[in-house]
Amino acid sequence: MAGNKGSKWKKRDKNRFRKTYGYLRQRKMFEYAGPDPTTIEVGQVSFAGASQGDHTWIESFDSAPYVTAVAVDSSGNHTANVNVYVYAVTTTSVIFRTSQTFTGTVHFHAILIETSAG
């Protein structure tokens, strides 16, 4: 992976890019558009008294994506006070580990911004 790559995203109204008539009010429909192709996957992994969990990507990544994760206590027993980290990430899956066993979920975001050849 090359270093972190920033990408500027613009918020635009999709209804302004087509012919609309003045006497018809159209609700604004916003979308975010960036200059580079981007693949994003968001999900969660359940932990039940474990310290390791894995997830297989649904999206297809060309190279290993950047992954962020956070532990969430889903049982209400205040055991989510753990550190969660990415142990291994590939183009097909990711493995999360925690500092101790806990019961809950790990929410994650995986983002890959393709670099332009230019």
Foldseek 3Di string as FASTA:
>chain_A
DDDDDDWDKDKDFPVVVDDDDPVDDDDTDIDIDIPFDKDKDKDKFWADQFFKDKDWDPDADPWWFDKDKAWDAPPPPPPSPWDKDWPDTTRTMTMIGIPGTDGGMMIMMTMDTDDDPD
